[in-house]
Amino acid sequence: MSRQTAIRIGALVFQAAILLMIWKGFLHPTRGGLLVLAVGFVAFFLTRESSGKNQGHR
């Protein structure tokens, strides 16, 4: 499994956990939504950066 795939799967698991916490009432929907967006953005940024570097070396 590549590093990009691991980051994406980890981000999806983290987002699912946050959504479950919102659904169960442990986390405020606004804060949880911001966390989900932040995790998605960080995962996108990390995978985009590494893919750009790989393409540059080829």
N, C-alpha and C. Protein backbone atom coordinates (compact mmCIF):
# COMPACT_ATOMS: atom_id res chain seq x y z
N MET A 1 0.86 -1.19 0.00
CA MET A 1 0.00 0.00 0.00
C MET A 1 0.89 1.24 0.00
N SER A 2 0.59 2.16 -0.88
CA SER A 2 1.41 3.36 -0.98
C SER A 2 1.09 4.34 0.14
N ARG A 3 1.96 5.30 0.30
CA ARG A 3 1.80 6.31 1.34
C ARG A 3 0.53 7.12 1.11
N GLN A 4 0.25 7.45 -0.16
CA GLN A 4 -0.95 8.22 -0.49
C GLN A 4 -2.21 7.48 -0.09
N THR A 5 -2.25 6.19 -0.39
CA THR A 5 -3.43 5.38 -0.06
C THR A 5 -3.61 5.30 1.45
N ALA A 6 -2.51 5.15 2.19
CA ALA A 6 -2.58 5.08 3.64
C ALA A 6 -3.12 6.38 4.23
N ILE A 7 -2.67 7.51 3.69
CA ILE A 7 -3.14 8.81 4.17
C ILE A 7 -4.63 8.97 3.89
N ARG A 8 -5.07 8.58 2.68
CA ARG A 8 -6.48 8.73 2.32
C ARG A 8 -7.37 7.84 3.17
N ILE A 9 -6.95 6.60 3.40
CA ILE A 9 -7.75 5.68 4.22
C ILE A 9 -7.80 6.18 5.66
N GLY A 10 -6.67 6.63 6.17
CA GLY A 10 -6.63 7.17 7.53
C GLY A 10 -7.54 8.37 7.69
N ALA A 11 -7.54 9.24 6.70
CA ALA A 11 -8.41 10.43 6.75
C ALA A 11 -9.88 10.03 6.71
N LEU A 12 -10.23 9.06 5.87
CA LEU A 12 -11.61 8.60 5.79
C LEU A 12 -12.07 7.99 7.10
N VAL A 13 -11.21 7.19 7.72
CA VAL A 13 -11.55 6.58 9.01
C VAL A 13 -11.74 7.67 10.06
N PHE A 14 -10.85 8.65 10.07
CA PHE A 14 -10.95 9.74 11.04
C PHE A 14 -12.24 10.54 10.83
N GLN A 15 -12.57 10.83 9.57
CA GLN A 15 -13.80 11.56 9.28
C GLN A 15 -15.03 10.76 9.68
N ALA A 16 -15.01 9.46 9.44
CA ALA A 16 -16.15 8.62 9.83
C ALA A 16 -16.31 8.62 11.35
N ALA A 17 -15.19 8.59 12.08
CA ALA A 17 -15.25 8.62 13.54
C ALA A 17 -15.84 9.94 14.03
N ILE A 18 -15.44 11.05 13.40
CA ILE A 18 -15.97 12.36 13.79
C ILE A 18 -17.48 12.41 13.52
N LEU A 19 -17.89 11.92 12.35
CA LEU A 19 -19.32 11.93 12.02
C LEU A 19 -20.12 11.06 12.99
N LEU A 20 -19.54 9.94 13.40
CA LEU A 20 -20.21 9.07 14.38
C LEU A 20 -20.35 9.78 15.72
N MET A 21 -19.32 10.53 16.11
CA MET A 21 -19.39 11.28 17.37
C MET A 21 -20.45 12.36 17.30
N ILE A 22 -20.59 13.02 16.15
CA ILE A 22 -21.65 14.02 15.98
C ILE A 22 -23.02 13.35 16.09
N TRP A 23 -23.16 12.21 15.43
CA TRP A 23 -24.44 11.49 15.40
C TRP A 23 -24.83 11.03 16.79
N LYS A 24 -23.86 10.59 17.59
CA LYS A 24 -24.14 10.12 18.95
C LYS A 24 -24.30 11.27 19.94
N GLY A 25 -23.98 12.49 19.51
CA GLY A 25 -24.17 13.65 20.38
C GLY A 25 -22.96 14.02 21.22
N PHE A 26 -21.80 13.42 20.96
CA PHE A 26 -20.60 13.74 21.73
C PHE A 26 -19.90 14.99 21.23
N LEU A 27 -20.21 15.41 20.01
CA LEU A 27 -19.49 16.51 19.39
C LEU A 27 -20.49 17.47 18.76
N HIS A 28 -20.25 18.76 18.91
CA HIS A 28 -21.13 19.77 18.34
C HIS A 28 -21.04 19.71 16.81
N PRO A 29 -22.18 19.77 16.12
CA PRO A 29 -22.16 19.65 14.65
C PRO A 29 -21.27 20.66 13.93
N THR A 30 -21.24 21.90 14.41
CA THR A 30 -20.42 22.91 13.74
C THR A 30 -18.94 22.59 13.88
N ARG A 31 -18.51 22.29 15.11
CA ARG A 31 -17.10 21.95 15.33
C ARG A 31 -16.74 20.67 14.59
N GLY A 32 -17.62 19.69 14.63
CA GLY A 32 -17.36 18.43 13.95
C GLY A 32 -17.25 18.61 12.45
N GLY A 33 -18.13 19.44 11.89
CA GLY A 33 -18.08 19.71 10.46
C GLY A 33 -16.78 20.38 10.06
N LEU A 34 -16.33 21.31 10.90
CA LEU A 34 -15.05 21.97 10.62
C LEU A 34 -13.89 20.99 10.71
N LEU A 35 -13.96 20.07 11.67
CA LEU A 35 -12.92 19.06 11.79
C LEU A 35 -12.89 18.15 10.57
N VAL A 36 -14.07 17.74 10.10
CA VAL A 36 -14.14 16.88 8.91
C VAL A 36 -13.54 17.59 7.71
N LEU A 37 -13.89 18.87 7.54
CA LEU A 37 -13.32 19.64 6.43
C LEU A 37 -11.81 19.79 6.56
N ALA A 38 -11.35 20.04 7.79
CA ALA A 38 -9.90 20.21 8.01
C ALA A 38 -9.15 18.93 7.69
N VAL A 39 -9.68 17.79 8.15
CA VAL A 39 -9.01 16.51 7.88
C VAL A 39 -8.98 16.23 6.38
N GLY A 40 -10.09 16.50 5.70
CA GLY A 40 -10.13 16.29 4.26
C GLY A 40 -9.14 17.18 3.53
N PHE A 41 -9.04 18.43 3.97
CA PHE A 41 -8.11 19.36 3.32
C PHE A 41 -6.66 18.93 3.53
N VAL A 42 -6.33 18.53 4.76
CA VAL A 42 -4.96 18.10 5.05
C VAL A 42 -4.61 16.85 4.25
N ALA A 43 -5.54 15.90 4.19
CA ALA A 43 -5.27 14.68 3.43
C ALA A 43 -5.09 15.00 1.94
N PHE A 44 -5.94 15.88 1.42
CA PHE A 44 -5.82 16.28 0.01
C PHE A 44 -4.48 16.97 -0.24
N PHE A 45 -4.10 17.87 0.68
CA PHE A 45 -2.85 18.61 0.52
C PHE A 45 -1.65 17.66 0.56
N LEU A 46 -1.65 16.72 1.51
CA LEU A 46 -0.52 15.79 1.62
C LEU A 46 -0.41 14.89 0.40
N THR A 47 -1.53 14.37 -0.08
CA THR A 47 -1.48 13.47 -1.23
C THR A 47 -1.16 14.25 -2.51
N ARG A 48 -1.64 15.49 -2.60
CA ARG A 48 -1.34 16.30 -3.78
C ARG A 48 0.15 16.64 -3.84
N GLU A 49 0.72 17.01 -2.69
CA GLU A 49 2.14 17.36 -2.64
C GLU A 49 3.02 16.18 -3.05
N SER A 50 2.72 15.01 -2.49
CA SER A 50 3.56 13.85 -2.79
C SER A 50 3.41 13.42 -4.24
N SER A 51 2.19 13.53 -4.79
CA SER A 51 2.01 13.13 -6.18
C SER A 51 2.74 14.12 -7.10
N GLY A 52 2.74 15.40 -6.73
CA GLY A 52 3.45 16.39 -7.53
C GLY A 52 4.95 16.15 -7.53
N LYS A 53 5.49 15.76 -6.38
CA LYS A 53 6.91 15.48 -6.30
C LYS A 53 7.26 14.26 -7.12
N ASN A 54 6.42 13.23 -7.06
CA ASN A 54 6.69 12.02 -7.83
C ASN A 54 6.69 12.31 -9.34
N GLN A 55 5.78 13.14 -9.77
CA GLN A 55 5.71 13.46 -11.20
C GLN A 55 6.92 14.28 -11.62
N GLY A 56 7.44 15.09 -10.72
CA GLY A 56 8.59 15.91 -11.05
C GLY A 56 9.86 15.10 -11.24
N HIS A 57 9.97 13.98 -10.55
CA HIS A 57 11.19 13.15 -10.62
C HIS A 57 11.20 12.25 -11.84
N ARG A 58 10.04 12.01 -12.44
CA ARG A 58 9.98 11.06 -13.56
C ARG A 58 10.57 11.64 -14.83
